[in-house]
PDB file of N, CA and C in Angstrom:
ATOM      1  N   MET A   1      -8.997  65.569  58.307  1.00  0.00           N
ATOM      2  CA  MET A   1      -9.360  64.557  59.280  1.00  0.00           C
ATOM      3  C   MET A   1     -10.291  65.110  60.343  1.00  0.00           C
ATOM      4  N   LYS A   2     -10.195  66.434  60.570  1.00  0.00           N
ATOM      5  CA  LYS A   2     -11.055  67.035  61.585  1.00  0.00           C
ATOM      6  C   LYS A   2     -12.522  66.900  61.192  1.00  0.00           C
ATOM      7  N   ASN A   3     -12.809  67.100  59.881  1.00  0.00           N
ATOM      8  CA  ASN A   3     -14.188  66.976  59.410  1.00  0.00           C
ATOM      9  C   ASN A   3     -14.692  65.542  59.517  1.00  0.00           C
ATOM     10  N   LEU A   4     -13.813  64.597  59.261  1.00  0.00           N
ATOM     11  CA  LEU A   4     -14.199  63.186  59.357  1.00  0.00           C
ATOM     12  C   LEU A   4     -14.570  62.835  60.796  1.00  0.00           C
ATOM     13  N   ALA A   5     -13.800  63.334  61.749  1.00  0.00           N
ATOM     14  CA  ALA A   5     -14.104  63.064  63.159  1.00  0.00           C
ATOM     15  C   ALA A   5     -15.444  63.680  63.546  1.00  0.00           C
ATOM     16  N   GLY A   6     -15.704  64.875  63.035  1.00  0.00           N
ATOM     17  CA  GLY A   6     -16.987  65.519  63.322  1.00  0.00           C
ATOM     18  C   GLY A   6     -18.138  64.772  62.693  1.00  0.00           C
ATOM     19  N   LEU A   7     -17.925  64.298  61.474  1.00  0.00           N
ATOM     20  CA  LEU A   7     -18.961  63.532  60.777  1.00  0.00           C
ATOM     21  C   LEU A   7     -19.242  62.229  61.513  1.00  0.00           C
ATOM     22  N   MET A   8     -18.195  61.570  61.974  1.00  0.00           N
ATOM     23  CA  MET A   8     -18.370  60.315  62.736  1.00  0.00           C
ATOM     24  C   MET A   8     -19.137  60.580  64.029  1.00  0.00           C
ATOM     25  N   LYS A   9     -18.841  61.698  64.674  1.00  0.00           N
ATOM     26  CA  LYS A   9     -19.536  62.036  65.915  1.00  0.00           C
ATOM     27  C   LYS A   9     -21.023  62.278  65.644  1.00  0.00           C
ATOM     28  N   GLN A  10     -21.318  63.014  64.545  1.00  0.00           N
ATOM     29  CA  GLN A  10     -22.720  63.271  64.198  1.00  0.00           C
ATOM     30  C   GLN A  10     -23.454  61.982  63.850  1.00  0.00           C
ATOM     31  N   ALA A  11     -22.793  61.104  63.111  1.00  0.00           N
ATOM     32  CA  ALA A  11     -23.419  59.830  62.742  1.00  0.00           C
ATOM     33  C   ALA A  11     -23.692  58.991  63.982  1.00  0.00           C
ATOM     34  N   SER A  12     -22.757  59.006  64.916  1.00  0.00           N
ATOM     35  CA  SER A  12     -22.939  58.260  66.159  1.00  0.00           C
ATOM     36  C   SER A  12     -24.123  58.813  66.965  1.00  0.00           C
ATOM     37  N   GLN A  13     -24.232  60.149  67.000  1.00  0.00           N
ATOM     38  CA  GLN A  13     -25.353  60.776  67.707  1.00  0.00           C
ATOM     39  C   GLN A  13     -26.672  60.424  67.031  1.00  0.00           C
ATOM     40  N   MET A  14     -26.670  60.423  65.679  1.00  0.00           N
ATOM     41  CA  MET A  14     -27.900  60.086  64.949  1.00  0.00           C
ATOM     42  C   MET A  14     -28.295  58.639  65.216  1.00  0.00           C
ATOM     43  N   GLN A  15     -27.327  57.754  65.273  1.00  0.00           N
ATOM     44  CA  GLN A  15     -27.618  56.353  65.552  1.00  0.00           C
ATOM     45  C   GLN A  15     -28.232  56.203  66.938  1.00  0.00           C
ATOM     46  N   ALA A  16     -27.702  56.922  67.913  1.00  0.00           N
ATOM     47  CA  ALA A  16     -28.246  56.853  69.270  1.00  0.00           C
ATOM     48  C   ALA A  16     -29.692  57.358  69.289  1.00  0.00           C
ATOM     49  N   LYS A  17     -29.940  58.451  68.544  1.00  0.00           N
ATOM     50  CA  LYS A  17     -31.312  58.978  68.485  1.00  0.00           C
ATOM     51  C   LYS A  17     -32.244  58.002  67.791  1.00  0.00           C
ATOM     52  N   MET A  18     -31.766  57.343  66.742  1.00  0.00           N
ATOM     53  CA  MET A  18     -32.606  56.379  66.028  1.00  0.00           C
ATOM     54  C   MET A  18     -32.940  55.191  66.933  1.00  0.00           C
ATOM     55  N   GLU A  19     -31.998  54.751  67.731  1.00  0.00           N
ATOM     56  CA  GLU A  19     -32.268  53.660  68.672  1.00  0.00           C
ATOM     57  C   GLU A  19     -33.290  54.106  69.717  1.00  0.00           C
ATOM     58  N   GLU A  20     -33.175  55.370  70.130  1.00  0.00           N
ATOM     59  CA  GLU A  20     -34.136  55.909  71.093  1.00  0.00           C
ATOM     60  C   GLU A  20     -35.544  55.928  70.484  1.00  0.00           C
ATOM     61  N   VAL A  21     -35.636  56.325  69.209  1.00  0.00           N
ATOM     62  CA  VAL A  21     -36.933  56.345  68.531  1.00  0.00           C
ATOM     63  C   VAL A  21     -37.486  54.926  68.415  1.00  0.00           C
ATOM     64  N   GLN A  22     -36.635  53.972  68.062  1.00  0.00           N
ATOM     65  CA  GLN A  22     -37.089  52.577  67.946  1.00  0.00           C
ATOM     66  C   GLN A  22     -37.635  52.081  69.281  1.00  0.00           C
ATOM     67  N   ASN A  23     -36.963  52.425  70.362  1.00  0.00           N
ATOM     68  CA  ASN A  23     -37.458  52.023  71.679  1.00  0.00           C
ATOM     69  C   ASN A  23     -38.789  52.708  71.987  1.00  0.00           C
ATOM     70  N   GLY A  24     -38.904  53.968  71.584  1.00  0.00           N
ATOM     71  CA  GLY A  24     -40.158  54.690  71.795  1.00  0.00           C
ATOM     72  C   GLY A  24     -41.297  54.085  71.005  1.00  0.00           C
ATOM     73  N   LEU A  25     -41.000  53.605  69.795  1.00  0.00           N
ATOM     74  CA  LEU A  25     -42.037  52.979  68.975  1.00  0.00           C
ATOM     75  C   LEU A  25     -42.589  51.725  69.651  1.00  0.00           C
ATOM     76  N   SER A  26     -41.740  51.022  70.363  1.00  0.00           N
ATOM     77  CA  SER A  26     -42.204  49.814  71.060  1.00  0.00           C
ATOM     78  C   SER A  26     -43.247  50.140  72.119  1.00  0.00           C
ATOM     79  N   ASN A  27     -43.177  51.345  72.646  1.00  0.00           N
ATOM     80  CA  ASN A  27     -44.105  51.734  73.709  1.00  0.00           C
ATOM     81  C   ASN A  27     -45.357  52.426  73.189  1.00  0.00           C
ATOM     82  N   MET A  28     -45.409  52.712  71.880  1.00  0.00           N
ATOM     83  CA  MET A  28     -46.601  53.353  71.315  1.00  0.00           C
ATOM     84  C   MET A  28     -47.748  52.354  71.269  1.00  0.00           C
ATOM     85  N   SER A  29     -48.961  52.860  71.286  1.00  0.00           N
ATOM     86  CA  SER A  29     -50.157  52.041  71.174  1.00  0.00           C
ATOM     87  C   SER A  29     -51.045  52.673  70.102  1.00  0.00           C
ATOM     88  N   ILE A  30     -51.243  51.960  69.001  1.00  0.00           N
ATOM     89  CA  ILE A  30     -51.980  52.502  67.866  1.00  0.00           C
ATOM     90  C   ILE A  30     -53.145  51.576  67.538  1.00  0.00           C
ATOM     91  N   ASP A  31     -54.352  52.142  67.474  1.00  0.00           N
ATOM     92  CA  ASP A  31     -55.559  51.365  67.209  1.00  0.00           C
ATOM     93  C   ASP A  31     -55.950  51.440  65.739  1.00  0.00           C
ATOM     94  N   GLY A  32     -56.470  50.345  65.247  1.00  0.00           N
ATOM     95  CA  GLY A  32     -57.089  50.282  63.931  1.00  0.00           C
ATOM     96  C   GLY A  32     -58.504  49.759  64.112  1.00  0.00           C
ATOM     97  N   MET A  33     -59.435  50.262  63.310  1.00  0.00           N
ATOM     98  CA  MET A  33     -60.837  49.871  63.474  1.00  0.00           C
ATOM     99  C   MET A  33     -61.460  49.486  62.146  1.00  0.00           C
ATOM    100  N   ALA A  34     -62.527  48.676  62.261  1.00  0.00           N
ATOM    101  CA  ALA A  34     -63.321  48.299  61.089  1.00  0.00           C
ATOM    102  C   ALA A  34     -64.751  48.080  61.552  1.00  0.00           C
ATOM    103  N   GLY A  35     -65.673  48.115  60.604  1.00  0.00           N
ATOM    104  CA  GLY A  35     -67.080  47.900  60.938  1.00  0.00           C
ATOM    105  C   GLY A  35     -67.606  48.950  61.883  1.00  0.00           C
ATOM    106  N   ALA A  36     -67.232  50.191  61.640  1.00  0.00           N
ATOM    107  CA  ALA A  36     -67.669  51.319  62.480  1.00  0.00           C
ATOM    108  C   ALA A  36     -67.305  51.096  63.946  1.00  0.00           C
ATOM    109  N   GLY A  37     -66.129  50.510  64.184  1.00  0.00           N
ATOM    110  CA  GLY A  37     -65.641  50.325  65.544  1.00  0.00           C
ATOM    111  C   GLY A  37     -66.075  49.025  66.198  1.00  0.00           C
ATOM    112  N   LEU A  38     -66.805  48.177  65.472  1.00  0.00           N
ATOM    113  CA  LEU A  38     -67.224  46.904  66.067  1.00  0.00           C
ATOM    114  C   LEU A  38     -66.028  45.967  66.277  1.00  0.00           C
ATOM    115  N   VAL A  39     -65.001  46.150  65.458  1.00  0.00           N
ATOM    116  CA  VAL A  39     -63.761  45.388  65.620  1.00  0.00           C
ATOM    117  C   VAL A  39     -62.622  46.393  65.686  1.00  0.00           C
ATOM    118  N   SER A  40     -61.757  46.216  66.671  1.00  0.00           N
ATOM    119  CA  SER A  40     -60.583  47.078  66.746  1.00  0.00           C
ATOM    120  C   SER A  40     -59.386  46.247  67.191  1.00  0.00           C
ATOM    121  N   VAL A  41     -58.234  46.627  66.697  1.00  0.00           N
ATOM    122  CA  VAL A  41     -56.983  45.971  67.085  1.00  0.00           C
ATOM    123  C   VAL A  41     -56.019  47.054  67.547  1.00  0.00           C
ATOM    124  N   THR A  42     -55.115  46.669  68.414  1.00  0.00           N
ATOM    125  CA  THR A  42     -54.090  47.580  68.904  1.00  0.00           C
ATOM    126  C   THR A  42     -52.723  46.981  68.606  1.00  0.00           C
ATOM    127  N   LEU A  43     -51.889  47.797  67.971  1.00  0.00           N
ATOM    128  CA  LEU A  43     -50.511  47.407  67.670  1.00  0.00           C
ATOM    129  C   LEU A  43     -49.568  48.345  68.403  1.00  0.00           C
ATOM    130  N   ASN A  44     -48.341  47.879  68.665  1.00  0.00           N
ATOM    131  CA  ASN A  44     -47.351  48.838  69.139  1.00  0.00           C
ATOM    132  C   ASN A  44     -46.724  49.508  67.918  1.00  0.00           C
ATOM    133  N   GLY A  45     -45.830  50.428  68.136  1.00  0.00           N
ATOM    134  CA  GLY A  45     -45.245  51.188  67.037  1.00  0.00           C
ATOM    135  C   GLY A  45     -44.352  50.379  66.117  1.00  0.00           C
ATOM    136  N   LYS A  46     -44.066  49.156  66.492  1.00  0.00           N
ATOM    137  CA  LYS A  46     -43.279  48.278  65.627  1.00  0.00           C
ATOM    138  C   LYS A  46     -44.167  47.322  64.840  1.00  0.00           C
ATOM    139  N   GLY A  47     -45.481  47.411  65.059  1.00  0.00           N
ATOM    140  CA  GLY A  47     -46.422  46.578  64.314  1.00  0.00           C
ATOM    141  C   GLY A  47     -46.773  45.276  64.991  1.00  0.00           C
ATOM    142  N   ASP A  48     -46.354  45.099  66.237  1.00  0.00           N
ATOM    143  CA  ASP A  48     -46.705  43.877  66.963  1.00  0.00           C
ATOM    144  C   ASP A  48     -48.132  43.985  67.487  1.00  0.00           C
ATOM    145  N   LEU A  49     -48.920  42.938  67.281  1.00  0.00           N
ATOM    146  CA  LEU A  49     -50.309  42.911  67.719  1.00  0.00           C
ATOM    147  C   LEU A  49     -50.366  42.799  69.234  1.00  0.00           C
ATOM    148  N   ARG A  50     -51.081  43.734  69.871  1.00  0.00           N
ATOM    149  CA  ARG A  50     -51.182  43.750  71.332  1.00  0.00           C
ATOM    150  C   ARG A  50     -52.547  43.326  71.829  1.00  0.00           C
ATOM    151  N   SER A  51     -53.627  43.669  71.091  1.00  0.00           N
ATOM    152  CA  SER A  51     -54.954  43.258  71.540  1.00  0.00           C
ATOM    153  C   SER A  51     -55.952  43.316  70.385  1.00  0.00           C
ATOM    154  N   ILE A  52     -57.024  42.568  70.555  1.00  0.00           N
ATOM    155  CA  ILE A  52     -58.148  42.579  69.616  1.00  0.00           C
ATOM    156  C   ILE A  52     -59.416  42.735  70.445  1.00  0.00           C
ATOM    157  N   ARG A  53     -60.285  43.647  70.023  1.00  0.00           N
ATOM    158  CA  ARG A  53     -61.574  43.831  70.690  1.00  0.00           C
ATOM    159  C   ARG A  53     -62.683  43.611  69.653  1.00  0.00           C
ATOM    160  N   ILE A  54     -63.630  42.742  69.997  1.00  0.00           N
ATOM    161  CA  ILE A  54     -64.740  42.421  69.099  1.00  0.00           C
ATOM    162  C   ILE A  54     -66.038  42.655  69.858  1.00  0.00           C
ATOM    163  N   ASP A  55     -66.903  43.445  69.261  1.00  0.00           N
ATOM    164  CA  ASP A  55     -68.206  43.695  69.883  1.00  0.00           C
ATOM    165  C   ASP A  55     -68.977  42.375  69.940  1.00  0.00           C
ATOM    166  N   PRO A  56     -69.560  42.038  71.086  1.00  0.00           N
ATOM    167  CA  PRO A  56     -70.290  40.766  71.213  1.00  0.00           C
ATOM    168  C   PRO A  56     -71.411  40.596  70.187  1.00  0.00           C
ATOM    169  N   LYS A  57     -71.898  41.697  69.615  1.00  0.00           N
ATOM    170  CA  LYS A  57     -72.958  41.581  68.599  1.00  0.00           C
ATOM    171  C   LYS A  57     -72.478  40.797  67.372  1.00  0.00           C
ATOM    172  N   LEU A  58     -71.161  40.738  67.186  1.00  0.00           N
ATOM    173  CA  LEU A  58     -70.611  40.043  66.019  1.00  0.00           C
ATOM    174  C   LEU A  58     -70.354  38.557  66.273  1.00  0.00           C
ATOM    175  N   ALA A  59     -70.638  38.079  67.476  1.00  0.00           N
ATOM    176  CA  ALA A  59     -70.363  36.687  67.820  1.00  0.00           C
ATOM    177  C   ALA A  59     -71.466  35.755  67.326  1.00  0.00           C
ATOM    178  N   ASP A  60     -71.790  35.859  66.070  1.00  0.00           N
ATOM    179  CA  ASP A  60     -72.808  35.006  65.449  1.00  0.00           C
ATOM    180  C   ASP A  60     -72.084  33.949  64.616  1.00  0.00           C
ATOM    181  N   PRO A  61     -72.279  32.671  64.907  1.00  0.00           N
ATOM    182  CA  PRO A  61     -71.592  31.611  64.158  1.00  0.00           C
ATOM    183  C   PRO A  61     -71.868  31.657  62.656  1.00  0.00           C
ATOM    184  N   ASN A  62     -72.965  32.260  62.267  1.00  0.00           N
ATOM    185  CA  ASN A  62     -73.289  32.347  60.841  1.00  0.00           C
ATOM    186  C   ASN A  62     -72.577  33.514  60.151  1.00  0.00           C
ATOM    187  N   GLU A  63     -71.909  34.342  60.929  1.00  0.00           N
ATOM    188  CA  GLU A  63     -71.241  35.532  60.378  1.00  0.00           C
ATOM    189  C   GLU A  63     -69.726  35.498  60.595  1.00  0.00           C
ATOM    190  N   VAL A  64     -69.174  34.326  60.722  1.00  0.00           N
ATOM    191  CA  VAL A  64     -67.739  34.197  61.005  1.00  0.00           C
ATOM    192  C   VAL A  64     -66.891  34.802  59.879  1.00  0.00           C
ATOM    193  N   GLU A  65     -67.291  34.595  58.651  1.00  0.00           N
ATOM    194  CA  GLU A  65     -66.503  35.117  57.533  1.00  0.00           C
ATOM    195  C   GLU A  65     -66.459  36.646  57.567  1.00  0.00           C
ATOM    196  N   MET A  66     -67.582  37.275  57.886  1.00  0.00           N
ATOM    197  CA  MET A  66     -67.595  38.732  57.982  1.00  0.00           C
ATOM    198  C   MET A  66     -66.685  39.186  59.127  1.00  0.00           C
ATOM    199  N   LEU A  67     -66.714  38.478  60.244  1.00  0.00           N
ATOM    200  CA  LEU A  67     -65.861  38.823  61.379  1.00  0.00           C
ATOM    201  C   LEU A  67     -64.385  38.721  60.993  1.00  0.00           C
ATOM    202  N   GLN A  68     -64.037  37.683  60.283  1.00  0.00           N
ATOM    203  CA  GLN A  68     -62.649  37.526  59.832  1.00  0.00           C
ATOM    204  C   GLN A  68     -62.237  38.696  58.932  1.00  0.00           C
ATOM    205  N   ASP A  69     -63.129  39.092  58.040  1.00  0.00           N
ATOM    206  CA  ASP A  69     -62.832  40.223  57.154  1.00  0.00           C
ATOM    207  C   ASP A  69     -62.648  41.515  57.958  1.00  0.00           C
ATOM    208  N   LEU A  70     -63.476  41.710  58.967  1.00  0.00           N
ATOM    209  CA  LEU A  70     -63.366  42.921  59.787  1.00  0.00           C
ATOM    210  C   LEU A  70     -62.058  42.940  60.585  1.00  0.00           C
ATOM    211  N   ILE A  71     -61.648  41.780  61.074  1.00  0.00           N
ATOM    212  CA  ILE A  71     -60.380  41.712  61.812  1.00  0.00           C
ATOM    213  C   ILE A  71     -59.227  42.069  60.881  1.00  0.00           C
ATOM    214  N   LEU A  72     -59.235  41.514  59.687  1.00  0.00           N
ATOM    215  CA  LEU A  72     -58.187  41.847  58.719  1.00  0.00           C
ATOM    216  C   LEU A  72     -58.195  43.336  58.375  1.00  0.00           C
ATOM    217  N   ALA A  73     -59.376  43.899  58.184  1.00  0.00           N
ATOM    218  CA  ALA A  73     -59.475  45.321  57.849  1.00  0.00           C
ATOM    219  C   ALA A  73     -58.974  46.190  59.004  1.00  0.00           C
ATOM    220  N   ALA A  74     -59.314  45.828  60.224  1.00  0.00           N
ATOM    221  CA  ALA A  74     -58.862  46.596  61.392  1.00  0.00           C
ATOM    222  C   ALA A  74     -57.341  46.502  61.529  1.00  0.00           C
ATOM    223  N   PHE A  75     -56.792  45.314  61.293  1.00  0.00           N
ATOM    224  CA  PHE A  75     -55.338  45.147  61.359  1.00  0.00           C
ATOM    225  C   PHE A  75     -54.654  45.984  60.287  1.00  0.00           C
ATOM    226  N   SER A  76     -55.185  45.973  59.075  1.00  0.00           N
ATOM    227  CA  SER A  76     -54.596  46.770  57.992  1.00  0.00           C
ATOM    228  C   SER A  76     -54.640  48.257  58.316  1.00  0.00           C
ATOM    229  N   ASP A  77     -55.747  48.702  58.906  1.00  0.00           N
ATOM    230  CA  ASP A  77     -55.882  50.106  59.309  1.00  0.00           C
ATOM    231  C   ASP A  77     -54.819  50.470  60.337  1.00  0.00           C
ATOM    232  N   ALA A  78     -54.668  49.623  61.342  1.00  0.00           N
ATOM    233  CA  ALA A  78     -53.671  49.892  62.388  1.00  0.00           C
ATOM    234  C   ALA A  78     -52.264  49.841  61.813  1.00  0.00           C
ATOM    235  N   ARG A  79     -51.993  48.895  60.945  1.00  0.00           N
ATOM    236  CA  ARG A  79     -50.656  48.746  60.355  1.00  0.00           C
ATOM    237  C   ARG A  79     -50.280  49.988  59.544  1.00  0.00           C
ATOM    238  N   ALA A  80     -51.231  50.520  58.783  1.00  0.00           N
ATOM    239  CA  ALA A  80     -50.961  51.736  58.005  1.00  0.00           C
ATOM    240  C   ALA A  80     -50.652  52.909  58.929  1.00  0.00           C
ATOM    241  N   LYS A  81     -51.368  53.006  60.045  1.00  0.00           N
ATOM    242  CA  LYS A  81     -51.119  54.081  61.010  1.00  0.00           C
ATOM    243  C   LYS A  81     -49.745  53.913  61.661  1.00  0.00           C
ATOM    244  N   VAL A  82     -49.354  52.674  61.949  1.00  0.00           N
ATOM    245  CA  VAL A  82     -48.027  52.415  62.525  1.00  0.00           C
ATOM    246  C   VAL A  82     -46.940  52.861  61.556  1.00  0.00           C
ATOM    247  N   GLU A  83     -47.081  52.527  60.289  1.00  0.00           N
ATOM    248  CA  GLU A  83     -46.067  52.900  59.301  1.00  0.00           C
ATOM    249  C   GLU A  83     -45.947  54.420  59.192  1.00  0.00           C
ATOM    250  N   THR A  84     -47.074  55.116  59.231  1.00  0.00           N
ATOM    251  CA  THR A  84     -47.055  56.575  59.172  1.00  0.00           C
ATOM    252  C   THR A  84     -46.373  57.159  60.408  1.00  0.00           C
ATOM    253  N   ALA A  85     -46.746  56.660  61.585  1.00  0.00           N
ATOM    254  CA  ALA A  85     -46.158  57.166  62.832  1.00  0.00           C
ATOM    255  C   ALA A  85     -44.662  56.879  62.890  1.00  0.00           C
ATOM    256  N   SER A  86     -44.270  55.690  62.451  1.00  0.00           N
ATOM    257  CA  SER A  86     -42.857  55.319  62.462  1.00  0.00           C
ATOM    258  C   SER A  86     -42.053  56.215  61.525  1.00  0.00           C
ATOM    259  N   ALA A  87     -42.583  56.453  60.340  1.00  0.00           N
ATOM    260  CA  ALA A  87     -41.888  57.309  59.369  1.00  0.00           C
ATOM    261  C   ALA A  87     -41.754  58.737  59.906  1.00  0.00           C
ATOM    262  N   GLU A  88     -42.797  59.237  60.553  1.00  0.00           N
ATOM    263  CA  GLU A  88     -42.745  60.590  61.130  1.00  0.00           C
ATOM    264  C   GLU A  88     -41.674  60.684  62.215  1.00  0.00           C
ATOM    265  N   GLU A  89     -41.610  59.673  63.081  1.00  0.00           N
ATOM    266  CA  GLU A  89     -40.621  59.696  64.162  1.00  0.00           C
ATOM    267  C   GLU A  89     -39.199  59.634  63.602  1.00  0.00           C
ATOM    268  N   MET A  90     -38.994  58.811  62.586  1.00  0.00           N
ATOM    269  CA  MET A  90     -37.655  58.692  62.007  1.00  0.00           C
ATOM    270  C   MET A  90     -37.258  59.969  61.263  1.00  0.00           C
ATOM    271  N   ARG A  91     -38.220  60.640  60.627  1.00  0.00           N
ATOM    272  CA  ARG A  91     -37.907  61.894  59.933  1.00  0.00           C
ATOM    273  C   ARG A  91     -37.457  62.964  60.928  1.00  0.00           C
ATOM    274  N   LYS A  92     -37.993  62.917  62.139  1.00  0.00           N
ATOM    275  CA  LYS A  92     -37.573  63.882  63.166  1.00  0.00           C
ATOM    276  C   LYS A  92     -36.085  63.716  63.467  1.00  0.00           C
ATOM    277  N   VAL A  93     -35.626  62.480  63.487  1.00  0.00           N
ATOM    278  CA  VAL A  93     -34.229  62.199  63.805  1.00  0.00           C
ATOM    279  C   VAL A  93     -33.318  62.522  62.632  1.00  0.00           C
ATOM    280  N   THR A  94     -33.779  62.205  61.419  1.00  0.00           N
ATOM    281  CA  THR A  94     -32.916  62.356  60.243  1.00  0.00           C
ATOM    282  C   THR A  94     -33.054  63.716  59.584  1.00  0.00           C
ATOM    283  N   GLY A  95     -33.856  64.591  60.149  1.00  0.00           N
ATOM    284  CA  GLY A  95     -34.027  65.919  59.583  1.00  0.00           C
ATOM    285  C   GLY A  95     -34.756  65.897  58.251  1.00  0.00           C
ATOM    286  N   GLY A  96     -35.669  64.964  58.081  1.00  0.00           N
ATOM    287  CA  GLY A  96     -36.470  64.895  56.862  1.00  0.00           C
ATOM    288  C   GLY A  96     -35.940  63.926  55.835  1.00  0.00           C
ATOM    289  N   LEU A  97     -34.779  63.361  56.076  1.00  0.00           N
ATOM    290  CA  LEU A  97     -34.190  62.400  55.153  1.00  0.00           C
ATOM    291  C   LEU A  97     -34.843  61.036  55.373  1.00  0.00           C
ATOM    292  N   ASP A  98     -35.417  60.462  54.312  1.00  0.00           N
ATOM    293  CA  ASP A  98     -36.038  59.142  54.425  1.00  0.00           C
ATOM    294  C   ASP A  98     -34.967  58.070  54.294  1.00  0.00           C
ATOM    295  N   LEU A  99     -34.731  57.334  55.383  1.00  0.00           N
ATOM    296  CA  LEU A  99     -33.771  56.240  55.380  1.00  0.00           C
ATOM    297  C   LEU A  99     -34.531  54.929  55.340  1.00  0.00           C
ATOM    298  N   PRO A 100     -33.933  53.908  54.759  1.00  0.00           N
ATOM    299  CA  PRO A 100     -34.593  52.599  54.742  1.00  0.00           C
ATOM    300  C   PRO A 100     -34.809  52.095  56.168  1.00  0.00           C
ATOM    301  N   ALA A 101     -35.932  51.401  56.380  1.00  0.00           N
ATOM    302  CA  ALA A 101     -36.226  50.852  57.699  1.00  0.00           C
ATOM    303  C   ALA A 101     -35.135  49.875  58.103  1.00  0.00           C
ATOM    304  N   GLY A 102     -34.734  49.929  59.354  1.00  0.00           N
ATOM    305  CA  GLY A 102     -33.749  49.003  59.874  1.00  0.00           C
ATOM    306  C   GLY A 102     -32.313  49.358  59.533  1.00  0.00           C
ATOM    307  N   LEU A 103     -32.091  50.526  58.931  1.00  0.00           N
ATOM    308  CA  LEU A 103     -30.734  50.938  58.576  1.00  0.00           C
ATOM    309  C   LEU A 103     -29.902  51.094  59.845  1.00  0.00           C
ATOM    310  N   LYS A 104     -28.734  50.485  59.845  1.00  0.00           N
ATOM    311  CA  LYS A 104     -27.809  50.599  60.977  1.00  0.00           C
ATOM    312  C   LYS A 104     -26.499  51.161  60.461  1.00  0.00           C
ATOM    313  N   PHE A 105     -25.938  52.062  61.227  1.00  0.00           N
ATOM    314  CA  PHE A 105     -24.644  52.611  60.865  1.00  0.00           C
ATOM    315  C   PHE A 105     -23.563  51.604  61.247  1.00  0.00           C
ATOM    316  N   PRO A 106     -22.467  51.587  60.512  1.00  0.00           N
ATOM    317  CA  PRO A 106     -21.435  50.578  60.784  1.00  0.00           C
ATOM    318  C   PRO A 106     -20.559  50.891  61.998  1.00  0.00           C
ATOM    319  N   PHE A 107     -20.889  51.846  62.826  1.00  0.00           N
ATOM    320  CA  PHE A 107     -20.059  52.153  63.991  1.00  0.00           C
ATOM    321  C   PHE A 107     -20.931  52.397  65.194  1.00  0.00           C
TER     322      PHE A 107
END
């Protein structure tokens, strides 16, 4: 039973650290770019969109479709960076063990 109590204590500590990492991810700011920086988006570490910046040179009504494509590309770039940063932060807590996103301990 002594080992079980120690294991429960370690799991509880890991859960607290994981919650701390999740809170830290909310405060991260990660940029994604497309069109050589003409379009950029900023996401937080949880993938929430925080801002979009579009170079005024792209504000041509005849080029709306290209602008839409660049926004999507910039968002995809930022999203991939968020996933990488999130995985790195979680690996720090789990000691390299990849856990499914959103995993919660039952205690």
